[in-house]
Protein backbone atom coordinates (compact mmCIF):
# COMPACT_ATOMS: atom_id res chain seq x y z
CA MET A 1 -4.32 -34.17 -12.09
CA LYS A 2 -7.43 -33.64 -14.20
CA THR A 3 -5.51 -34.57 -17.34
CA GLN A 4 -4.47 -37.87 -15.77
CA LYS A 5 -8.07 -38.64 -14.78
CA THR A 6 -9.28 -37.84 -18.29
CA ILE A 7 -6.68 -40.13 -19.85
CA VAL A 8 -7.51 -42.95 -17.41
CA ILE A 9 -11.23 -42.59 -18.15
CA ALA A 10 -10.53 -42.60 -21.88
CA GLY A 11 -8.46 -45.76 -21.46
CA LEU A 12 -11.31 -47.46 -19.62
CA LEU A 13 -13.69 -46.43 -22.38
CA ILE A 14 -11.37 -47.95 -24.96
CA PHE A 15 -11.32 -51.22 -23.01
CA ALA A 16 -15.10 -51.24 -22.70
CA ALA A 17 -15.55 -50.48 -26.38
CA PHE A 18 -13.27 -53.29 -27.52
CA SER A 19 -15.11 -55.74 -25.32
CA THR A 20 -18.47 -54.81 -26.88
CA SER A 21 -17.11 -54.84 -30.46
CA CYS A 22 -19.43 -52.14 -31.80
CA GLY A 23 -17.68 -50.02 -34.41
CA THR A 24 -19.33 -46.74 -33.44
CA VAL A 25 -18.61 -47.12 -29.74
CA THR A 26 -15.12 -48.41 -30.40
CA GLY A 27 -14.40 -45.48 -32.70
CA ALA A 28 -15.71 -43.02 -30.15
CA ALA A 29 -13.60 -44.52 -27.37
CA VAL A 30 -10.43 -44.69 -29.43
CA GLY A 31 -11.06 -41.14 -30.67
CA ALA A 32 -11.59 -39.89 -27.12
CA GLY A 33 -8.38 -41.48 -25.91
CA ALA A 34 -6.35 -40.23 -28.84
CA GLY A 35 -7.90 -36.78 -28.65
CA ALA A 36 -7.22 -36.51 -24.92
CA ALA A 37 -3.61 -37.56 -25.38
CA ILE A 38 -3.05 -35.17 -28.28
CA GLY A 39 -4.85 -32.35 -26.48
CA ALA A 40 -2.77 -32.85 -23.34
CA GLY A 41 0.45 -33.00 -25.33
CA THR A 42 -0.23 -29.86 -27.34
CA SER A 43 -1.63 -27.78 -24.46
CA TYR A 44 -4.93 -27.57 -26.35
CA GLY A 45 -6.63 -29.23 -23.41
CA ALA A 46 -7.39 -32.87 -22.78
CA LYS A 47 -11.11 -32.22 -22.40
CA LYS A 48 -11.43 -30.39 -25.70
CA GLY A 49 -9.30 -33.00 -27.45
CA ALA A 50 -11.40 -35.82 -26.02
CA LEU A 51 -14.62 -34.16 -27.17
CA VAL A 52 -13.36 -33.63 -30.70
CA GLY A 53 -11.85 -37.11 -30.82
CA THR A 54 -15.09 -38.69 -29.63
CA GLY A 55 -17.07 -37.08 -32.43
CA VAL A 56 -14.57 -37.94 -35.12
CA GLY A 57 -14.10 -41.49 -33.82
CA ALA A 58 -17.84 -42.14 -33.58
CA ALA A 59 -18.34 -40.96 -37.15
CA ALA A 60 -15.49 -43.13 -38.40
CA GLY A 61 -16.81 -46.14 -36.46
CA ALA A 62 -20.31 -45.67 -37.86
CA ILE A 63 -18.96 -45.49 -41.39
CA TYR A 64 -16.93 -48.63 -40.75
CA ASP A 65 -20.05 -50.45 -39.48
CA ILE A 66 -22.04 -49.37 -42.53
CA MET A 67 -19.34 -50.47 -44.96
CA LYS A 68 -18.79 -53.75 -43.13
């Protein structure tokens, strides 16, 4: 049940990030969603996966914004 809530929240974050079109926020949201899905699928834990994905996605989004 908690995994489903985490994935739904991550999906909403992805939607919000795409509507604001900020690379850092978008990267963080996409990373959180992907990390939660991977974490849930590998029994690593959706929460841990979302946290790691958020950090990696935010960094990638910031780099994209800088290079753009």
